[in-house]
Amino acid sequence: CASSMTCAMVNCQYGCEEVKGEVQCLCPSGGLQLGPN
């Protein structure tokens, strides 16, 4: 059983990671931040 909030389903611009069962999108550089979406 895989979390239904997998990276592919979340549709992150630059990939993501799972933290405590929650999917979070990542930004590849410190000069970028996650947008409102």
Full PDB file with SEQRES, HELIX, SHEET, SSBOND, CRYST1, ORIGX, SCALE, CONECT and MASTER records, all heavy atoms in Angstrom:
SEQRES   1 A   37  CYS ALA SER SER MET THR CYS ALA MET VAL ASN CYS GLN          
SEQRES   2 A   37  TYR GLY CYS GLU GLU VAL LYS GLY GLU VAL GLN CYS LEU          
SEQRES   3 A   37  CYS PRO SER GLY GLY LEU GLN LEU GLY PRO ASN                  
HELIX    1 AA1 CYS A    7  VAL A   10  1                                   4    
SHEET    1 AA1 2 CYS A  16  VAL A  19  0                                        
SHEET    2 AA1 2 GLU A  22  CYS A  25 -1                                        
SSBOND   1 CYS A    7    CYS A   16                          1555   1555  1.82  
SSBOND   2 CYS A   12    CYS A   25                          1555   1555  1.94  
CRYST1    1.000    1.000    1.000  90.00  90.00  90.00 P 1           1          
ORIGX1      1.000000  0.000000  0.000000        0.00000                         
ORIGX2      0.000000  1.000000  0.000000        0.00000                         
ORIGX3      0.000000  0.000000  1.000000        0.00000                         
SCALE1      1.000000  0.000000  0.000000        0.00000                         
SCALE2      0.000000  1.000000  0.000000        0.00000                         
SCALE3      0.000000  0.000000  1.000000        0.00000                         
ATOM      1  N   CYS A   1       0.844  -1.182   0.000  1.00  0.00           N  
ATOM      2  CA  CYS A   1       0.000   0.000   0.000  1.00  0.00           C  
ATOM      3  C   CYS A   1       0.882   1.236   0.000  1.00  0.00           C  
ATOM      4  O   CYS A   1       1.744   1.387   0.863  1.00  0.00           O  
ATOM      5  CB  CYS A   1      -0.900   0.006   1.227  1.00  0.00           C  
ATOM      6  SG  CYS A   1      -2.098  -1.346   1.194  1.00  0.00           S  
ATOM      7  N   ALA A   2       0.681   2.095  -0.968  1.00  0.00           N  
ATOM      8  CA  ALA A   2       1.457   3.332  -1.059  1.00  0.00           C  
ATOM      9  C   ALA A   2       0.541   4.493  -0.753  1.00  0.00           C  
ATOM     10  O   ALA A   2      -0.650   4.457  -1.058  1.00  0.00           O  
ATOM     11  CB  ALA A   2       2.052   3.487  -2.445  1.00  0.00           C  
ATOM     12  N   SER A   3       1.109   5.518  -0.146  1.00  0.00           N  
ATOM     13  CA  SER A   3       0.327   6.703   0.156  1.00  0.00           C  
ATOM     14  C   SER A   3      -0.265   7.219  -1.151  1.00  0.00           C  
ATOM     15  O   SER A   3       0.421   7.339  -2.149  1.00  0.00           O  
ATOM     16  CB  SER A   3       1.226   7.767   0.782  1.00  0.00           C  
ATOM     17  OG  SER A   3       0.533   8.984   0.858  1.00  0.00           O  
ATOM     18  N   SER A   4      -1.560   7.503  -1.125  1.00  0.00           N  
ATOM     19  CA  SER A   4      -2.214   7.934  -2.362  1.00  0.00           C  
ATOM     20  C   SER A   4      -1.785   9.349  -2.738  1.00  0.00           C  
ATOM     21  O   SER A   4      -2.097   9.844  -3.796  1.00  0.00           O  
ATOM     22  CB  SER A   4      -3.731   7.856  -2.222  1.00  0.00           C  
ATOM     23  OG  SER A   4      -4.149   8.676  -1.163  1.00  0.00           O  
ATOM     24  N   MET A   5      -1.020  10.001  -1.849  1.00  0.00           N  
ATOM     25  CA  MET A   5      -0.478  11.321  -2.153  1.00  0.00           C  
ATOM     26  C   MET A   5       0.952  11.165  -2.657  1.00  0.00           C  
ATOM     27  O   MET A   5       1.877  11.748  -2.130  1.00  0.00           O  
ATOM     28  CB  MET A   5      -0.500  12.184  -0.884  1.00  0.00           C  
ATOM     29  CG  MET A   5      -1.887  12.581  -0.447  1.00  0.00           C  
ATOM     30  SD  MET A   5      -2.601  13.804  -1.552  1.00  0.00           S  
ATOM     31  CE  MET A   5      -1.736  15.257  -1.012  1.00  0.00           C  
ATOM     32  N   THR A   6       1.144  10.320  -3.632  1.00  0.00           N  
ATOM     33  CA  THR A   6       2.492  10.107  -4.145  1.00  0.00           C  
ATOM     34  C   THR A   6       2.927  11.326  -4.955  1.00  0.00           C  
ATOM     35  O   THR A   6       2.112  12.134  -5.363  1.00  0.00           O  
ATOM     36  CB  THR A   6       2.563   8.851  -5.041  1.00  0.00           C  
ATOM     37  OG1 THR A   6       1.587   8.984  -6.066  1.00  0.00           O  
ATOM     38  CG2 THR A   6       2.330   7.588  -4.257  1.00  0.00           C  
ATOM     39  N   CYS A   7       4.240  11.420  -5.190  1.00  0.00           N  
ATOM     40  CA  CYS A   7       4.792  12.575  -5.892  1.00  0.00           C  
ATOM     41  C   CYS A   7       4.120  12.805  -7.244  1.00  0.00           C  
ATOM     42  O   CYS A   7       3.838  13.931  -7.613  1.00  0.00           O  
ATOM     43  CB  CYS A   7       6.300  12.402  -6.089  1.00  0.00           C  
ATOM     44  SG  CYS A   7       7.226  12.645  -4.558  1.00  0.00           S  
ATOM     45  N   ALA A   8       3.864  11.730  -7.959  1.00  0.00           N  
ATOM     46  CA  ALA A   8       3.262  11.855  -9.284  1.00  0.00           C  
ATOM     47  C   ALA A   8       1.875  12.488  -9.186  1.00  0.00           C  
ATOM     48  O   ALA A   8       1.482  13.280 -10.035  1.00  0.00           O  
ATOM     49  CB  ALA A   8       3.168  10.496  -9.948  1.00  0.00           C  
ATOM     50  N   MET A   9       1.152  12.131  -8.137  1.00  0.00           N  
ATOM     51  CA  MET A   9      -0.217  12.644  -7.991  1.00  0.00           C  
ATOM     52  C   MET A   9      -0.226  14.094  -7.518  1.00  0.00           C  
ATOM     53  O   MET A   9      -1.100  14.864  -7.868  1.00  0.00           O  
ATOM     54  CB  MET A   9      -1.002  11.769  -7.016  1.00  0.00           C  
ATOM     55  CG  MET A   9      -1.248  10.371  -7.557  1.00  0.00           C  
ATOM     56  SD  MET A   9      -2.037   9.339  -6.355  1.00  0.00           S  
ATOM     57  CE  MET A   9      -3.736   9.831  -6.568  1.00  0.00           C  
ATOM     58  N   VAL A  10       0.779  14.466  -6.714  1.00  0.00           N  
ATOM     59  CA  VAL A  10       0.846  15.838  -6.207  1.00  0.00           C  
ATOM     60  C   VAL A  10       1.264  16.788  -7.333  1.00  0.00           C  
ATOM     61  O   VAL A  10       0.907  17.948  -7.336  1.00  0.00           O  
ATOM     62  CB  VAL A  10       1.819  15.924  -5.008  1.00  0.00           C  
ATOM     63  CG1 VAL A  10       1.989  17.354  -4.536  1.00  0.00           C  
ATOM     64  CG2 VAL A  10       1.308  15.079  -3.858  1.00  0.00           C  
ATOM     65  N   ASN A  11       2.005  16.249  -8.303  1.00  0.00           N  
ATOM     66  CA  ASN A  11       2.411  17.016  -9.483  1.00  0.00           C  
ATOM     67  C   ASN A  11       3.301  18.204  -9.115  1.00  0.00           C  
ATOM     68  O   ASN A  11       2.996  19.341  -9.431  1.00  0.00           O  
ATOM     69  CB  ASN A  11       1.166  17.464 -10.262  1.00  0.00           C  
ATOM     70  CG  ASN A  11       1.496  17.860 -11.687  1.00  0.00           C  
ATOM     71  OD1 ASN A  11       2.585  17.559 -12.189  1.00  0.00           O  
ATOM     72  ND2 ASN A  11       0.581  18.531 -12.349  1.00  0.00           N  
ATOM     73  N   CYS A  12       4.414  17.906  -8.429  1.00  0.00           N  
ATOM     74  CA  CYS A  12       5.363  18.946  -8.036  1.00  0.00           C  
ATOM     75  C   CYS A  12       6.207  19.350  -9.244  1.00  0.00           C  
ATOM     76  O   CYS A  12       6.505  18.526 -10.097  1.00  0.00           O  
ATOM     77  CB  CYS A  12       6.300  18.429  -6.953  1.00  0.00           C  
ATOM     78  SG  CYS A  12       5.498  18.081  -5.376  1.00  0.00           S  
ATOM     79  N   GLN A  13       6.608  20.619  -9.256  1.00  0.00           N  
ATOM     80  CA  GLN A  13       7.423  21.130 -10.368  1.00  0.00           C  
ATOM     81  C   GLN A  13       8.817  20.508 -10.357  1.00  0.00           C  
ATOM     82  O   GLN A  13       9.371  20.190 -11.394  1.00  0.00           O  
ATOM     83  CB  GLN A  13       7.527  22.655 -10.252  1.00  0.00           C  
ATOM     84  CG  GLN A  13       8.215  23.318 -11.429  1.00  0.00           C  
ATOM     85  CD  GLN A  13       8.289  24.837 -11.290  1.00  0.00           C  
ATOM     86  OE1 GLN A  13       8.050  25.385 -10.228  1.00  0.00           O  
ATOM     87  NE2 GLN A  13       8.622  25.500 -12.363  1.00  0.00           N  
ATOM     88  N   TYR A  14       9.405  20.344  -9.158  1.00  0.00           N  
ATOM     89  CA  TYR A  14      10.782  19.842  -9.063  1.00  0.00           C  
ATOM     90  C   TYR A  14      10.920  18.599  -8.194  1.00  0.00           C  
ATOM     91  O   TYR A  14      11.964  18.371  -7.626  1.00  0.00           O  
ATOM     92  CB  TYR A  14      11.706  20.933  -8.505  1.00  0.00           C  
ATOM     93  CG  TYR A  14      11.888  22.116  -9.415  1.00  0.00           C  
ATOM     94  CD1 TYR A  14      11.277  23.337  -9.136  1.00  0.00           C  
ATOM     95  CD2 TYR A  14      12.679  22.034 -10.554  1.00  0.00           C  
ATOM     96  CE1 TYR A  14      11.456  24.436  -9.965  1.00  0.00           C  
ATOM     97  CE2 TYR A  14      12.848  23.128 -11.385  1.00  0.00           C  
ATOM     98  CZ  TYR A  14      12.246  24.321 -11.081  1.00  0.00           C  
ATOM     99  OH  TYR A  14      12.423  25.402 -11.905  1.00  0.00           O  
ATOM    100  N   GLY A  15       9.874  17.796  -8.031  1.00  0.00           N  
ATOM    101  CA  GLY A  15       9.984  16.594  -7.210  1.00  0.00           C  
ATOM    102  C   GLY A  15       9.592  16.868  -5.775  1.00  0.00           C  
ATOM    103  O   GLY A  15       9.365  17.999  -5.369  1.00  0.00           O  
ATOM    104  N   CYS A  16       9.515  15.766  -4.991  1.00  0.00           N  
ATOM    105  CA  CYS A  16       9.053  15.932  -3.626  1.00  0.00           C  
ATOM    106  C   CYS A  16       9.631  14.889  -2.701  1.00  0.00           C  
ATOM    107  O   CYS A  16      10.337  13.983  -3.119  1.00  0.00           O  
ATOM    108  CB  CYS A  16       7.530  15.907  -3.582  1.00  0.00           C  
ATOM    109  SG  CYS A  16       6.818  14.300  -3.927  1.00  0.00           S  
ATOM    110  N   GLU A  17       9.300  15.040  -1.421  1.00  0.00           N  
ATOM    111  CA  GLU A  17       9.730  14.073  -0.412  1.00  0.00           C  
ATOM    112  C   GLU A  17       8.548  13.801   0.505  1.00  0.00           C  
ATOM    113  O   GLU A  17       7.628  14.599   0.596  1.00  0.00           O  
ATOM    114  CB  GLU A  17      10.917  14.620   0.387  1.00  0.00           C  
ATOM    115  CG  GLU A  17      10.589  15.873   1.193  1.00  0.00           C  
ATOM    116  CD  GLU A  17      11.766  16.401   1.997  1.00  0.00           C  
ATOM    117  OE1 GLU A  17      12.816  15.742   2.053  1.00  0.00           O  
ATOM    118  OE2 GLU A  17      11.610  17.486   2.577  1.00  0.00           O  
ATOM    119  N   GLU A  18       8.624  12.628   1.169  1.00  0.00           N  
ATOM    120  CA  GLU A  18       7.566  12.284   2.108  1.00  0.00           C  
ATOM    121  C   GLU A  18       8.075  12.522   3.510  1.00  0.00           C  
ATOM    122  O   GLU A  18       9.125  12.026   3.896  1.00  0.00           O  
ATOM    123  CB  GLU A  18       7.165  10.818   1.931  1.00  0.00           C  
ATOM    124  CG  GLU A  18       5.753  10.678   1.390  1.00  0.00           C  
ATOM    125  CD  GLU A  18       5.303   9.248   1.273  1.00  0.00           C  
ATOM    126  OE1 GLU A  18       4.840   8.710   2.288  1.00  0.00           O  
ATOM    127  OE2 GLU A  18       5.426   8.681   0.177  1.00  0.00           O  
ATOM    128  N   VAL A  19       7.353  13.326   4.260  1.00  0.00           N  
ATOM    129  CA  VAL A  19       7.714  13.595   5.644  1.00  0.00           C  
ATOM    130  C   VAL A  19       6.531  13.213   6.522  1.00  0.00           C  
ATOM    131  O   VAL A  19       5.455  13.778   6.388  1.00  0.00           O  
ATOM    132  CB  VAL A  19       8.072  15.096   5.847  1.00  0.00           C  
ATOM    133  CG1 VAL A  19       8.527  15.351   7.272  1.00  0.00           C  
ATOM    134  CG2 VAL A  19       9.146  15.530   4.871  1.00  0.00           C  
ATOM    135  N   LYS A  20       6.740  12.234   7.400  1.00  0.00           N  
ATOM    136  CA  LYS A  20       5.695  11.739   8.311  1.00  0.00           C  
ATOM    137  C   LYS A  20       4.405  11.434   7.557  1.00  0.00           C  
ATOM    138  O   LYS A  20       3.314  11.851   7.952  1.00  0.00           O  
ATOM    139  CB  LYS A  20       5.446  12.748   9.426  1.00  0.00           C  
ATOM    140  CG  LYS A  20       6.637  12.918  10.350  1.00  0.00           C  
ATOM    141  CD  LYS A  20       6.399  14.023  11.355  1.00  0.00           C  
ATOM    142  CE  LYS A  20       7.658  14.287  12.167  1.00  0.00           C  
ATOM    143  NZ  LYS A  20       7.650  15.591  12.817  1.00  0.00           N  
ATOM    144  N   GLY A  21       4.531  10.736   6.428  1.00  0.00           N  
ATOM    145  CA  GLY A  21       3.366  10.322   5.651  1.00  0.00           C  
ATOM    146  C   GLY A  21       2.743  11.410   4.811  1.00  0.00           C  
ATOM    147  O   GLY A  21       1.767  11.188   4.117  1.00  0.00           O  
ATOM    148  N   GLU A  22       3.304  12.622   4.888  1.00  0.00           N  
ATOM    149  CA  GLU A  22       2.796  13.725   4.079  1.00  0.00           C  
ATOM    150  C   GLU A  22       3.780  14.058   2.978  1.00  0.00           C  
ATOM    151  O   GLU A  22       4.982  14.036   3.180  1.00  0.00           O  
ATOM    152  CB  GLU A  22       2.593  14.966   4.957  1.00  0.00           C  
ATOM    153  CG  GLU A  22       1.163  15.126   5.423  1.00  0.00           C  
ATOM    154  CD  GLU A  22       0.940  16.457   6.126  1.00  0.00           C  
ATOM    155  OE1 GLU A  22       1.294  17.493   5.530  1.00  0.00           O  
ATOM    156  OE2 GLU A  22       0.413  16.441   7.244  1.00  0.00           O  
ATOM    157  N   VAL A  23       3.236  14.369   1.799  1.00  0.00           N  
ATOM    158  CA  VAL A  23       4.095  14.691   0.660  1.00  0.00           C  
ATOM    159  C   VAL A  23       4.325  16.194   0.594  1.00  0.00           C  
ATOM    160  O   VAL A  23       3.384  16.981   0.698  1.00  0.00           O  
ATOM    161  CB  VAL A  23       3.446  14.169  -0.649  1.00  0.00           C  
ATOM    162  CG1 VAL A  23       4.192  14.673  -1.858  1.00  0.00           C  
ATOM    163  CG2 VAL A  23       3.439  12.647  -0.649  1.00  0.00           C  
ATOM    164  N   GLN A  24       5.582  16.585   0.481  1.00  0.00           N  
ATOM    165  CA  GLN A  24       5.933  17.999   0.370  1.00  0.00           C  
ATOM    166  C   GLN A  24       6.752  18.215  -0.890  1.00  0.00           C  
ATOM    167  O   GLN A  24       7.682  17.469  -1.152  1.00  0.00           O  
ATOM    168  CB  GLN A  24       6.789  18.427   1.574  1.00  0.00           C  
ATOM    169  CG  GLN A  24       5.997  18.655   2.833  1.00  0.00           C  
ATOM    170  CD  GLN A  24       6.901  19.105   3.973  1.00  0.00           C  
ATOM    171  OE1 GLN A  24       8.072  18.779   4.030  1.00  0.00           O  
ATOM    172  NE2 GLN A  24       6.331  19.856   4.900  1.00  0.00           N  
ATOM    173  N   CYS A  25       6.369  19.235  -1.664  1.00  0.00           N  
ATOM    174  CA  CYS A  25       7.143  19.568  -2.861  1.00  0.00           C  
ATOM    175  C   CYS A  25       8.448  20.236  -2.450  1.00  0.00           C  
ATOM    176  O   CYS A  25       8.527  20.869  -1.405  1.00  0.00           O  
ATOM    177  CB  CYS A  25       6.338  20.506  -3.769  1.00  0.00           C  
ATOM    178  SG  CYS A  25       4.896  19.707  -4.507  1.00  0.00           S  
ATOM    179  N   LEU A  26       9.453  20.054  -3.286  1.00  0.00           N  
ATOM    180  CA  LEU A  26      10.778  20.616  -3.003  1.00  0.00           C  
ATOM    181  C   LEU A  26      11.158  21.660  -4.041  1.00  0.00           C  
ATOM    182  O   LEU A  26      10.687  21.605  -5.168  1.00  0.00           O  
ATOM    183  CB  LEU A  26      11.833  19.508  -3.041  1.00  0.00           C  
ATOM    184  CG  LEU A  26      11.713  18.387  -2.018  1.00  0.00           C  
ATOM    185  CD1 LEU A  26      12.701  17.287  -2.323  1.00  0.00           C  
ATOM    186  CD2 LEU A  26      11.944  18.908  -0.616  1.00  0.00           C  
ATOM    187  N   CYS A  27      12.034  22.568  -3.661  1.00  0.00           N  
ATOM    188  CA  CYS A  27      12.628  23.524  -4.597  1.00  0.00           C  
ATOM    189  C   CYS A  27      14.128  23.257  -4.643  1.00  0.00           C  
ATOM    190  O   CYS A  27      14.743  23.030  -3.602  1.00  0.00           O  
ATOM    191  CB  CYS A  27      12.344  24.961  -4.168  1.00  0.00           C  
ATOM    192  SG  CYS A  27      10.611  25.414  -4.398  1.00  0.00           S  
ATOM    193  N   PRO A  28      14.727  23.270  -5.847  1.00  0.00           N  
ATOM    194  CA  PRO A  28      16.126  22.856  -5.992  1.00  0.00           C  
ATOM    195  C   PRO A  28      17.166  23.849  -5.500  1.00  0.00           C  
ATOM    196  O   PRO A  28      18.333  23.528  -5.454  1.00  0.00           O  
ATOM    197  CB  PRO A  28      16.267  22.642  -7.502  1.00  0.00           C  
ATOM    198  CG  PRO A  28      15.239  23.522  -8.107  1.00  0.00           C  
ATOM    199  CD  PRO A  28      14.103  23.593  -7.137  1.00  0.00           C  
ATOM    200  N   SER A  29      16.756  25.041  -5.121  1.00  0.00           N  
ATOM    201  CA  SER A  29      17.752  26.013  -4.661  1.00  0.00           C  
ATOM    202  C   SER A  29      17.184  26.865  -3.546  1.00  0.00           C  
ATOM    203  O   SER A  29      15.970  27.043  -3.432  1.00  0.00           O  
ATOM    204  CB  SER A  29      18.209  26.888  -5.843  1.00  0.00           C  
ATOM    205  OG  SER A  29      17.919  28.234  -5.650  1.00  0.00           O  
ATOM    206  N   GLY A  30      18.093  27.387  -2.712  1.00  0.00           N  
ATOM    207  CA  GLY A  30      17.679  28.228  -1.597  1.00  0.00           C  
ATOM    208  C   GLY A  30      17.108  29.557  -2.050  1.00  0.00           C  
ATOM    209  O   GLY A  30      16.476  30.252  -1.274  1.00  0.00           O  
ATOM    210  N   GLY A  31      17.326  29.901  -3.312  1.00  0.00           N  
ATOM    211  CA  GLY A  31      16.806  31.150  -3.857  1.00  0.00           C  
ATOM    212  C   GLY A  31      15.401  31.015  -4.411  1.00  0.00           C  
ATOM    213  O   GLY A  31      14.881  31.925  -5.050  1.00  0.00           O  
ATOM    214  N   LEU A  32      14.792  29.850  -4.168  1.00  0.00           N  
ATOM    215  CA  LEU A  32      13.414  29.606  -4.612  1.00  0.00           C  
ATOM    216  C   LEU A  32      12.581  29.211  -3.409  1.00  0.00           C  
ATOM    217  O   LEU A  32      13.078  28.605  -2.467  1.00  0.00           O  
ATOM    218  CB  LEU A  32      13.373  28.463  -5.640  1.00  0.00           C  
ATOM    219  CG  LEU A  32      14.097  28.671  -6.970  1.00  0.00           C  
ATOM    220  CD1 LEU A  32      14.112  27.385  -7.772  1.00  0.00           C  
ATOM    221  CD2 LEU A  32      13.447  29.771  -7.786  1.00  0.00           C  
ATOM    222  N   GLN A  33      11.302  29.544  -3.460  1.00  0.00           N  
ATOM    223  CA  GLN A  33      10.393  29.118  -2.394  1.00  0.00           C  
ATOM    224  C   GLN A  33       9.112  28.587  -3.008  1.00  0.00           C  
ATOM    225  O   GLN A  33       8.764  28.944  -4.134  1.00  0.00           O  
ATOM    226  CB  GLN A  33      10.109  30.278  -1.439  1.00  0.00           C  
ATOM    227  CG  GLN A  33       9.394  31.450  -2.101  1.00  0.00           C  
ATOM    228  CD  GLN A  33       9.263  32.651  -1.180  1.00  0.00           C  
ATOM    229  OE1 GLN A  33       9.857  32.697  -0.122  1.00  0.00           O  
ATOM    230  NE2 GLN A  33       8.472  33.627  -1.601  1.00  0.00           N  
ATOM    231  N   LEU A  34       8.421  27.735  -2.257  1.00  0.00           N  
ATOM    232  CA  LEU A  34       7.164  27.165  -2.751  1.00  0.00           C  
ATOM    233  C   LEU A  34       6.127  28.263  -2.910  1.00  0.00           C  
ATOM    234  O   LEU A  34       5.973  29.106  -2.030  1.00  0.00           O  
ATOM    235  CB  LEU A  34       6.644  26.098  -1.793  1.00  0.00           C  
ATOM    236  CG  LEU A  34       7.190  24.686  -1.964  1.00  0.00           C  
ATOM    237  CD1 LEU A  34       6.557  23.756  -0.952  1.00  0.00           C  
ATOM    238  CD2 LEU A  34       6.968  24.144  -3.361  1.00  0.00           C  
ATOM    239  N   GLY A  35       5.452  28.225  -4.035  1.00  0.00           N  
ATOM    240  CA  GLY A  35       4.402  29.198  -4.322  1.00  0.00           C  
ATOM    241  C   GLY A  35       3.146  28.889  -3.532  1.00  0.00           C  
ATOM    242  O   GLY A  35       3.077  27.871  -2.829  1.00  0.00           O  
ATOM    243  N   PRO A  36       2.120  29.726  -3.652  1.00  0.00           N  
ATOM    244  CA  PRO A  36       0.878  29.524  -2.899  1.00  0.00           C  
ATOM    245  C   PRO A  36       0.207  28.174  -3.159  1.00  0.00           C  
ATOM    246  O   PRO A  36      -0.476  27.645  -2.285  1.00  0.00           O  
ATOM    247  CB  PRO A  36      -0.026  30.674  -3.376  1.00  0.00           C  
ATOM    248  CG  PRO A  36       0.904  31.688  -3.967  1.00  0.00           C  
ATOM    249  CD  PRO A  36       2.070  30.925  -4.503  1.00  0.00           C  
ATOM    250  N   ASN A  37       0.423  27.602  -4.362  1.00  0.00           N  
ATOM    251  CA  ASN A  37      -0.227  26.316  -4.668  1.00  0.00           C  
ATOM    252  C   ASN A  37       0.526  25.126  -4.066  1.00  0.00           C  
ATOM    253  O   ASN A  37       0.065  23.998  -4.138  1.00  0.00           O  
ATOM    254  CB  ASN A  37      -0.398  26.136  -6.186  1.00  0.00           C  
ATOM    255  CG  ASN A  37       0.934  26.074  -6.936  1.00  0.00           C  
ATOM    256  OD1 ASN A  37       2.013  26.061  -6.338  1.00  0.00           O  
ATOM    257  ND2 ASN A  37       0.862  26.036  -8.250  1.00  0.00           N  
TER     258      ASN A  37                                                      
CONECT   44  109                                                                
CONECT   78  178                                                                
CONECT  109   44                                                                
CONECT  178   78                                                                
MASTER        0    0    0    1    2    0    0    6  257    1    4    3          
END                                                                             
